[in-house]
N, C-alpha and C. Protein backbone atom coordinates (compact mmCIF):
# COMPACT_ATOMS: atom_id res chain seq x y z
N UNK A 1 -66.85 26.59 73.34
CA UNK A 1 -66.91 28.04 73.38
C UNK A 1 -65.50 28.55 73.62
N UNK A 2 -65.16 29.59 72.96
CA UNK A 2 -63.82 30.16 73.07
C UNK A 2 -63.64 30.84 74.42
N UNK A 3 -62.39 30.89 74.87
CA UNK A 3 -62.08 31.51 76.15
C UNK A 3 -62.49 32.97 76.18
N UNK A 4 -62.38 33.63 75.03
CA UNK A 4 -62.76 35.05 74.95
C UNK A 4 -64.24 35.25 75.21
N UNK A 5 -65.06 34.34 74.68
CA UNK A 5 -66.51 34.43 74.87
C UNK A 5 -66.88 34.20 76.33
N UNK A 6 -66.20 33.25 76.99
CA UNK A 6 -66.45 33.00 78.41
C UNK A 6 -66.08 34.21 79.25
N UNK A 7 -64.98 34.85 78.88
CA UNK A 7 -64.55 36.05 79.60
C UNK A 7 -65.59 37.16 79.46
N UNK A 8 -66.13 37.33 78.28
CA UNK A 8 -67.16 38.35 78.04
C UNK A 8 -68.41 38.05 78.88
N UNK A 9 -68.84 36.80 78.89
CA UNK A 9 -70.01 36.42 79.70
C UNK A 9 -69.76 36.67 81.19
N UNK A 10 -68.57 36.33 81.64
CA UNK A 10 -68.21 36.55 83.04
C UNK A 10 -68.21 38.04 83.38
N UNK A 11 -67.66 38.87 82.49
CA UNK A 11 -67.62 40.32 82.72
C UNK A 11 -69.03 40.92 82.73
N UNK A 12 -69.90 40.39 81.90
CA UNK A 12 -71.29 40.85 81.90
C UNK A 12 -71.94 40.54 83.24
N UNK A 13 -71.74 39.32 83.75
CA UNK A 13 -72.31 38.93 85.04
C UNK A 13 -71.76 39.82 86.17
N UNK A 14 -70.47 40.07 86.16
CA UNK A 14 -69.86 40.94 87.18
C UNK A 14 -70.47 42.33 87.09
N UNK A 15 -70.66 42.82 85.89
CA UNK A 15 -71.26 44.14 85.69
C UNK A 15 -72.68 44.21 86.26
N UNK A 16 -73.45 43.15 86.03
CA UNK A 16 -74.82 43.11 86.55
C UNK A 16 -74.83 43.09 88.08
N UNK A 17 -73.93 42.32 88.68
CA UNK A 17 -73.83 42.26 90.14
C UNK A 17 -73.45 43.63 90.69
N UNK A 18 -72.48 44.28 90.07
CA UNK A 18 -72.05 45.61 90.52
C UNK A 18 -73.19 46.63 90.38
N UNK A 19 -73.93 46.56 89.27
CA UNK A 19 -75.06 47.47 89.07
C UNK A 19 -76.10 47.29 90.18
N UNK A 20 -76.43 46.04 90.49
CA UNK A 20 -77.43 45.76 91.53
C UNK A 20 -76.93 46.21 92.91
N UNK A 21 -75.64 45.99 93.17
CA UNK A 21 -75.08 46.42 94.46
C UNK A 21 -75.12 47.94 94.58
N UNK A 22 -74.84 48.64 93.50
CA UNK A 22 -74.88 50.11 93.51
C UNK A 22 -76.31 50.60 93.75
N UNK A 23 -77.28 49.98 93.07
CA UNK A 23 -78.69 50.36 93.27
C UNK A 23 -79.12 50.16 94.72
N UNK A 24 -78.62 49.10 95.34
CA UNK A 24 -78.99 48.79 96.73
C UNK A 24 -78.24 49.66 97.73
N UNK A 25 -77.29 50.46 97.25
CA UNK A 25 -76.54 51.32 98.16
C UNK A 25 -75.38 50.63 98.85
N UNK A 26 -75.08 49.41 98.43
CA UNK A 26 -74.02 48.65 99.09
C UNK A 26 -72.63 49.19 98.80
N UNK A 27 -72.49 50.00 97.77
CA UNK A 27 -71.18 50.55 97.42
C UNK A 27 -71.02 52.00 97.87
N UNK A 28 -72.05 52.55 98.51
CA UNK A 28 -71.98 53.94 98.97
C UNK A 28 -71.07 54.05 100.18
N UNK A 29 -70.42 55.20 100.30
CA UNK A 29 -69.60 55.45 101.48
C UNK A 29 -70.52 55.67 102.68
N UNK A 30 -70.11 55.15 103.83
CA UNK A 30 -70.86 55.40 105.06
C UNK A 30 -70.43 56.78 105.56
N UNK A 31 -71.40 57.64 105.72
CA UNK A 31 -71.10 58.99 106.19
C UNK A 31 -71.21 59.01 107.70
N UNK A 32 -70.18 59.52 108.35
CA UNK A 32 -70.25 59.66 109.80
C UNK A 32 -70.75 61.05 110.12
N UNK A 33 -71.59 61.11 111.12
CA UNK A 33 -72.14 62.39 111.53
C UNK A 33 -71.74 62.66 112.96
N UNK A 34 -71.55 63.92 113.26
CA UNK A 34 -71.18 64.33 114.61
C UNK A 34 -72.45 64.35 115.46
N UNK A 35 -72.39 63.68 116.58
CA UNK A 35 -73.53 63.64 117.49
C UNK A 35 -73.58 64.94 118.29
N UNK A 36 -74.75 65.54 118.36
CA UNK A 36 -74.95 66.76 119.14
C UNK A 36 -75.48 66.39 120.52
N UNK A 37 -74.58 66.36 121.48
CA UNK A 37 -74.96 65.99 122.85
C UNK A 37 -75.77 67.12 123.48
N UNK A 38 -76.83 66.75 124.14
CA UNK A 38 -77.60 67.67 124.98
C UNK A 38 -78.23 66.82 126.06
N UNK A 39 -78.69 67.46 127.09
CA UNK A 39 -79.29 66.70 128.18
C UNK A 39 -80.45 65.86 127.67
N UNK A 40 -81.36 66.47 126.91
CA UNK A 40 -82.52 65.76 126.40
C UNK A 40 -82.12 64.68 125.39
N UNK A 41 -81.24 65.03 124.44
CA UNK A 41 -80.83 64.05 123.42
C UNK A 41 -80.18 62.83 124.06
N UNK A 42 -79.32 63.05 125.05
CA UNK A 42 -78.65 61.92 125.71
C UNK A 42 -79.66 61.02 126.41
N UNK A 43 -80.56 61.62 127.16
CA UNK A 43 -81.54 60.81 127.89
C UNK A 43 -82.44 60.03 126.93
N UNK A 44 -82.83 60.64 125.83
CA UNK A 44 -83.66 59.93 124.84
C UNK A 44 -82.88 58.79 124.20
N UNK A 45 -81.61 59.02 123.88
CA UNK A 45 -80.79 57.97 123.27
C UNK A 45 -80.58 56.81 124.25
N UNK A 46 -80.33 57.13 125.52
CA UNK A 46 -80.15 56.09 126.53
C UNK A 46 -81.44 55.28 126.68
N UNK A 47 -82.57 55.96 126.73
CA UNK A 47 -83.85 55.27 126.83
C UNK A 47 -84.03 54.30 125.68
N UNK A 48 -83.81 54.78 124.47
CA UNK A 48 -83.98 53.94 123.29
C UNK A 48 -83.05 52.72 123.36
N UNK A 49 -81.81 52.92 123.76
CA UNK A 49 -80.86 51.81 123.86
C UNK A 49 -81.31 50.79 124.91
N UNK A 50 -81.81 51.27 126.04
CA UNK A 50 -82.24 50.35 127.10
C UNK A 50 -83.51 49.60 126.71
N UNK A 51 -84.39 50.25 125.98
CA UNK A 51 -85.60 49.57 125.51
C UNK A 51 -85.24 48.50 124.48
N UNK A 52 -84.26 48.79 123.64
CA UNK A 52 -83.80 47.78 122.68
C UNK A 52 -83.15 46.60 123.40
N UNK A 53 -82.44 46.91 124.45
CA UNK A 53 -81.82 45.85 125.25
C UNK A 53 -82.91 44.96 125.86
N UNK A 54 -83.94 45.57 126.43
CA UNK A 54 -85.04 44.80 127.01
C UNK A 54 -85.72 43.96 125.94
N UNK A 55 -85.89 44.53 124.75
CA UNK A 55 -86.54 43.80 123.67
C UNK A 55 -85.73 42.56 123.26
N UNK A 56 -84.42 42.69 123.20
CA UNK A 56 -83.61 41.55 122.75
C UNK A 56 -83.25 40.58 123.87
N UNK A 57 -83.09 41.07 125.09
CA UNK A 57 -82.65 40.22 126.19
C UNK A 57 -83.79 39.77 127.10
N UNK A 58 -84.95 40.41 126.98
CA UNK A 58 -86.10 40.02 127.79
C UNK A 58 -86.28 40.87 129.04
N UNK A 59 -85.21 41.53 129.48
CA UNK A 59 -85.28 42.42 130.65
C UNK A 59 -84.37 43.61 130.41
N UNK A 60 -84.58 44.64 131.21
CA UNK A 60 -83.61 45.73 131.22
C UNK A 60 -82.30 45.18 131.76
N UNK A 61 -81.18 45.77 131.41
CA UNK A 61 -79.92 45.25 131.94
C UNK A 61 -79.83 45.44 133.44
N UNK A 62 -79.06 44.59 134.12
CA UNK A 62 -78.86 44.77 135.55
C UNK A 62 -78.06 46.05 135.82
N UNK A 63 -78.19 46.56 137.01
CA UNK A 63 -77.51 47.81 137.37
C UNK A 63 -76.00 47.72 137.17
N UNK A 64 -75.42 46.56 137.42
CA UNK A 64 -73.97 46.40 137.36
C UNK A 64 -73.38 46.58 135.97
N UNK A 65 -74.21 46.46 134.90
CA UNK A 65 -73.66 46.63 133.56
C UNK A 65 -74.62 47.32 132.59
N UNK A 66 -75.46 48.19 133.08
CA UNK A 66 -76.44 48.83 132.22
C UNK A 66 -75.79 49.71 131.16
N UNK A 67 -74.71 50.41 131.49
CA UNK A 67 -74.06 51.26 130.48
C UNK A 67 -73.35 50.42 129.43
N UNK A 68 -72.81 49.28 129.83
CA UNK A 68 -72.19 48.38 128.86
C UNK A 68 -73.22 47.92 127.84
N UNK A 69 -74.40 47.55 128.32
CA UNK A 69 -75.47 47.09 127.44
C UNK A 69 -75.98 48.23 126.55
N UNK A 70 -76.08 49.42 127.12
CA UNK A 70 -76.56 50.57 126.34
C UNK A 70 -75.54 50.95 125.26
N UNK A 71 -74.26 50.92 125.59
CA UNK A 71 -73.23 51.32 124.63
C UNK A 71 -73.27 50.46 123.37
N UNK A 72 -73.52 49.18 123.53
CA UNK A 72 -73.61 48.28 122.37
C UNK A 72 -74.69 48.77 121.41
N UNK A 73 -75.78 49.28 121.95
CA UNK A 73 -76.90 49.71 121.13
C UNK A 73 -76.81 51.18 120.72
N UNK A 74 -75.93 51.94 121.35
CA UNK A 74 -75.72 53.34 120.98
C UNK A 74 -74.74 53.47 119.83
N UNK A 75 -73.84 52.52 119.70
CA UNK A 75 -72.83 52.55 118.65
C UNK A 75 -73.47 52.15 117.34
N UNK A 76 -73.47 53.07 116.39
CA UNK A 76 -74.01 52.80 115.07
C UNK A 76 -72.92 53.08 114.04
N UNK A 77 -73.17 52.68 112.81
CA UNK A 77 -72.14 52.83 111.78
C UNK A 77 -71.81 54.28 111.47
N UNK A 78 -72.70 55.21 111.82
CA UNK A 78 -72.41 56.61 111.52
C UNK A 78 -71.81 57.36 112.70
N UNK A 79 -71.48 56.66 113.79
CA UNK A 79 -70.86 57.28 114.95
C UNK A 79 -69.57 56.56 115.30
N UNK A 80 -68.59 57.33 115.73
CA UNK A 80 -67.39 56.70 116.26
C UNK A 80 -67.72 56.20 117.66
N UNK A 81 -66.87 55.35 118.22
CA UNK A 81 -67.11 54.84 119.57
C UNK A 81 -67.10 55.98 120.58
N UNK A 82 -66.20 56.96 120.40
CA UNK A 82 -66.17 58.11 121.32
C UNK A 82 -67.46 58.90 121.27
N UNK A 83 -68.03 59.07 120.08
CA UNK A 83 -69.30 59.79 119.97
C UNK A 83 -70.44 58.99 120.60
N UNK A 84 -70.40 57.68 120.47
CA UNK A 84 -71.42 56.84 121.11
C UNK A 84 -71.29 56.96 122.63
N UNK A 85 -70.06 56.94 123.13
CA UNK A 85 -69.85 57.09 124.58
C UNK A 85 -70.29 58.47 125.07
N UNK A 86 -70.22 59.47 124.19
CA UNK A 86 -70.65 60.83 124.57
C UNK A 86 -72.12 60.85 124.94
N UNK A 87 -72.90 59.91 124.42
CA UNK A 87 -74.32 59.84 124.77
C UNK A 87 -74.51 59.40 126.22
N UNK A 88 -73.47 58.82 126.80
CA UNK A 88 -73.54 58.36 128.20
C UNK A 88 -72.87 59.35 129.15
N UNK A 89 -72.45 60.50 128.63
CA UNK A 89 -71.85 61.54 129.48
C UNK A 89 -72.78 62.73 129.53
N UNK A 90 -73.08 63.16 130.74
CA UNK A 90 -73.90 64.35 130.90
C UNK A 90 -73.11 65.53 130.36
N UNK A 91 -73.70 66.34 129.48
CA UNK A 91 -72.98 67.49 128.93
C UNK A 91 -72.37 68.35 130.04
N UNK A 92 -71.13 68.71 129.83
CA UNK A 92 -70.41 69.51 130.82
C UNK A 92 -69.64 68.68 131.83
N UNK A 93 -69.77 67.37 131.77
CA UNK A 93 -69.07 66.46 132.69
C UNK A 93 -67.88 65.83 131.98
N UNK A 94 -66.81 65.63 132.71
CA UNK A 94 -65.67 64.89 132.16
C UNK A 94 -65.94 63.39 132.25
N UNK A 95 -66.74 63.01 133.25
CA UNK A 95 -67.09 61.61 133.43
C UNK A 95 -68.54 61.42 133.00
N UNK A 96 -69.27 60.53 133.59
CA UNK A 96 -70.56 60.14 133.03
C UNK A 96 -71.76 60.90 133.59
N UNK A 97 -72.19 60.66 134.80
CA UNK A 97 -73.24 61.48 135.39
C UNK A 97 -74.67 61.02 135.21
N UNK A 98 -74.86 59.77 134.78
CA UNK A 98 -76.21 59.20 134.69
C UNK A 98 -76.27 57.95 135.55
N UNK A 99 -77.43 57.72 136.14
CA UNK A 99 -77.67 56.49 136.91
C UNK A 99 -78.97 55.86 136.43
N UNK A 100 -79.00 54.53 136.49
CA UNK A 100 -80.25 53.82 136.24
C UNK A 100 -80.99 53.72 137.56
N UNK A 101 -82.29 53.78 137.51
CA UNK A 101 -83.12 53.61 138.69
C UNK A 101 -82.96 52.16 139.16
N UNK A 102 -82.39 51.97 140.33
CA UNK A 102 -82.11 50.62 140.85
C UNK A 102 -83.36 49.73 140.89
N UNK A 103 -84.52 50.34 141.12
CA UNK A 103 -85.73 49.53 141.23
C UNK A 103 -86.22 49.03 139.87
N UNK A 104 -85.69 49.55 138.79
CA UNK A 104 -86.08 49.10 137.44
C UNK A 104 -85.02 48.22 136.79
N UNK A 105 -83.79 48.31 137.23
CA UNK A 105 -82.70 47.54 136.62
C UNK A 105 -82.98 46.05 136.71
N UNK A 106 -82.74 45.35 135.60
CA UNK A 106 -82.91 43.91 135.56
C UNK A 106 -84.35 43.43 135.44
N UNK A 107 -85.30 44.33 135.35
CA UNK A 107 -86.72 43.96 135.29
C UNK A 107 -87.22 43.95 133.85
N UNK A 108 -88.26 43.17 133.63
CA UNK A 108 -89.01 43.23 132.37
C UNK A 108 -90.19 44.14 132.66
N UNK A 109 -90.06 45.40 132.27
CA UNK A 109 -91.08 46.38 132.61
C UNK A 109 -92.40 46.12 131.89
N UNK A 110 -92.37 45.28 130.87
CA UNK A 110 -93.62 44.94 130.16
C UNK A 110 -94.43 43.94 130.96
N UNK A 111 -93.79 43.21 131.85
CA UNK A 111 -94.46 42.14 132.59
C UNK A 111 -94.88 42.54 134.00
N UNK A 112 -94.51 43.73 134.43
CA UNK A 112 -94.88 44.18 135.77
C UNK A 112 -95.72 45.45 135.68
N UNK A 113 -96.48 45.67 136.71
CA UNK A 113 -97.29 46.89 136.76
C UNK A 113 -96.38 48.03 137.24
N UNK A 114 -96.17 48.98 136.34
CA UNK A 114 -95.30 50.11 136.65
C UNK A 114 -96.11 51.39 136.56
N UNK A 115 -95.92 52.24 137.54
CA UNK A 115 -96.62 53.52 137.57
C UNK A 115 -96.16 54.40 136.40
N UNK A 116 -97.09 55.02 135.72
CA UNK A 116 -96.77 55.95 134.64
C UNK A 116 -95.87 57.05 135.21
N UNK A 117 -94.85 57.39 134.48
CA UNK A 117 -93.93 58.43 134.92
C UNK A 117 -92.77 57.90 135.74
N UNK A 118 -92.65 56.59 135.87
CA UNK A 118 -91.54 56.01 136.62
C UNK A 118 -90.23 56.34 135.92
N UNK A 119 -89.29 56.85 136.68
CA UNK A 119 -88.00 57.24 136.13
C UNK A 119 -87.15 56.00 135.85
N UNK A 120 -86.56 55.98 134.66
CA UNK A 120 -85.67 54.90 134.26
C UNK A 120 -84.21 55.29 134.48
N UNK A 121 -83.81 56.43 133.96
CA UNK A 121 -82.43 56.93 134.08
C UNK A 121 -82.50 58.40 134.46
N UNK A 122 -81.57 58.82 135.31
CA UNK A 122 -81.59 60.20 135.77
C UNK A 122 -80.17 60.77 135.86
N UNK A 123 -80.10 62.10 135.82
CA UNK A 123 -78.83 62.79 136.01
C UNK A 123 -78.49 62.67 137.49
N UNK A 124 -77.35 62.05 137.76
CA UNK A 124 -77.05 61.68 139.14
C UNK A 124 -75.83 62.39 139.71
N UNK A 125 -75.74 62.32 141.01
CA UNK A 125 -74.57 62.84 141.70
C UNK A 125 -73.35 61.98 141.38
N UNK A 126 -73.56 60.70 141.19
CA UNK A 126 -72.47 59.79 140.85
C UNK A 126 -72.09 59.98 139.39
N UNK A 127 -70.80 59.99 139.11
CA UNK A 127 -70.33 60.08 137.73
C UNK A 127 -69.62 58.78 137.31
N UNK A 128 -69.85 57.72 138.06
CA UNK A 128 -69.21 56.43 137.77
C UNK A 128 -69.89 55.73 136.59
N UNK A 129 -69.12 54.91 135.89
CA UNK A 129 -69.65 54.03 134.85
C UNK A 129 -70.58 53.03 135.52
N UNK A 130 -71.74 52.80 134.97
CA UNK A 130 -72.74 51.86 135.50
C UNK A 130 -73.29 52.28 136.87
N UNK A 131 -73.38 53.57 137.12
CA UNK A 131 -73.95 54.06 138.38
C UNK A 131 -75.44 53.72 138.44
N UNK A 132 -75.91 53.50 139.65
CA UNK A 132 -77.33 53.22 139.86
C UNK A 132 -77.74 53.84 141.19
N UNK A 133 -79.04 54.00 141.35
CA UNK A 133 -79.51 54.55 142.61
C UNK A 133 -80.98 54.86 142.58
N UNK A 134 -81.39 55.63 143.57
CA UNK A 134 -82.77 56.05 143.75
C UNK A 134 -82.87 57.50 143.28
N UNK A 135 -83.69 57.77 142.27
CA UNK A 135 -83.77 59.14 141.77
C UNK A 135 -84.21 60.16 142.83
N UNK A 136 -84.98 59.72 143.81
CA UNK A 136 -85.43 60.64 144.86
C UNK A 136 -84.28 61.05 145.77
N UNK A 137 -83.25 60.22 145.87
CA UNK A 137 -82.13 60.50 146.77
C UNK A 137 -80.85 60.88 146.04
N UNK A 138 -80.63 60.31 144.85
CA UNK A 138 -79.33 60.41 144.20
C UNK A 138 -79.27 61.33 142.99
N UNK A 139 -80.40 61.93 142.62
CA UNK A 139 -80.42 62.84 141.46
C UNK A 139 -79.76 64.16 141.83
N UNK A 140 -79.25 64.85 140.83
CA UNK A 140 -78.69 66.18 141.07
C UNK A 140 -79.84 67.17 141.22
N UNK A 141 -79.60 68.23 141.95
CA UNK A 141 -80.61 69.29 142.07
C UNK A 141 -80.85 69.90 140.70
N UNK A 142 -82.10 70.04 140.33
CA UNK A 142 -82.45 70.61 139.03
C UNK A 142 -82.16 69.70 137.86
N UNK A 143 -81.97 68.43 138.14
CA UNK A 143 -81.60 67.49 137.09
C UNK A 143 -82.78 67.04 136.25
N UNK A 144 -82.45 66.34 135.19
CA UNK A 144 -83.46 65.78 134.30
C UNK A 144 -83.40 64.26 134.39
N UNK A 145 -84.46 63.64 133.90
CA UNK A 145 -84.56 62.18 133.90
C UNK A 145 -85.40 61.78 132.69
N UNK A 146 -85.35 60.49 132.37
CA UNK A 146 -86.21 59.95 131.33
C UNK A 146 -87.05 58.85 131.97
N UNK A 147 -88.34 58.86 131.64
CA UNK A 147 -89.26 57.87 132.20
C UNK A 147 -89.24 56.59 131.35
N UNK A 148 -89.87 55.57 131.87
CA UNK A 148 -89.99 54.32 131.11
C UNK A 148 -90.69 54.53 129.78
N UNK A 149 -91.57 55.53 129.72
CA UNK A 149 -92.29 55.82 128.48
C UNK A 149 -91.44 56.62 127.49
N UNK A 150 -90.27 57.11 127.92
CA UNK A 150 -89.40 57.87 127.05
C UNK A 150 -89.56 59.37 127.14
N UNK A 151 -90.29 59.84 128.13
CA UNK A 151 -90.50 61.27 128.30
C UNK A 151 -89.40 61.85 129.17
N UNK A 152 -88.80 62.95 128.73
CA UNK A 152 -87.79 63.65 129.52
C UNK A 152 -88.51 64.57 130.49
N UNK A 153 -88.19 64.42 131.77
CA UNK A 153 -88.86 65.17 132.83
C UNK A 153 -87.82 65.71 133.80
N UNK A 154 -88.25 66.56 134.71
CA UNK A 154 -87.39 66.97 135.82
C UNK A 154 -87.29 65.82 136.79
N UNK A 155 -86.10 65.62 137.35
CA UNK A 155 -85.96 64.54 138.31
C UNK A 155 -86.60 64.93 139.63
N UNK A 156 -86.69 64.00 140.55
CA UNK A 156 -87.45 64.18 141.79
C UNK A 156 -86.92 65.29 142.67
N UNK A 157 -85.63 65.56 142.61
CA UNK A 157 -85.06 66.57 143.52
C UNK A 157 -85.26 67.97 143.02
């Protein structure tokens, strides 16, 4: 077979691969979207990230690194790292402002009997990275929280 014929066959194969990749969306540009931070949106996003962490690791992350574990699951291809981190900052705060309920950190909530409405993460007085505490003592006045079920509620205070 002549070299020209082999080149034509090769170009046809490349064309078919490119056509299939285009159909599958593999050649599309990834569009980044601006995340709209709000108290409710942040708490729901944090809940979803922590539930994914529990699903893959077997337990919720320990208090000492819960935000680190959540950030891995909050970062998606359509968000910059700063926008993903914004989900861990209470709107209006320069720092973070969320705490995990110490009594739930590190637990497999599927394997223990947990009261419905148990708070998982709450708007806290602490603005430290990986803050933890007791929502009854450490929540901000008039703050919000997210339960293990994913419902956004008023915190205990």
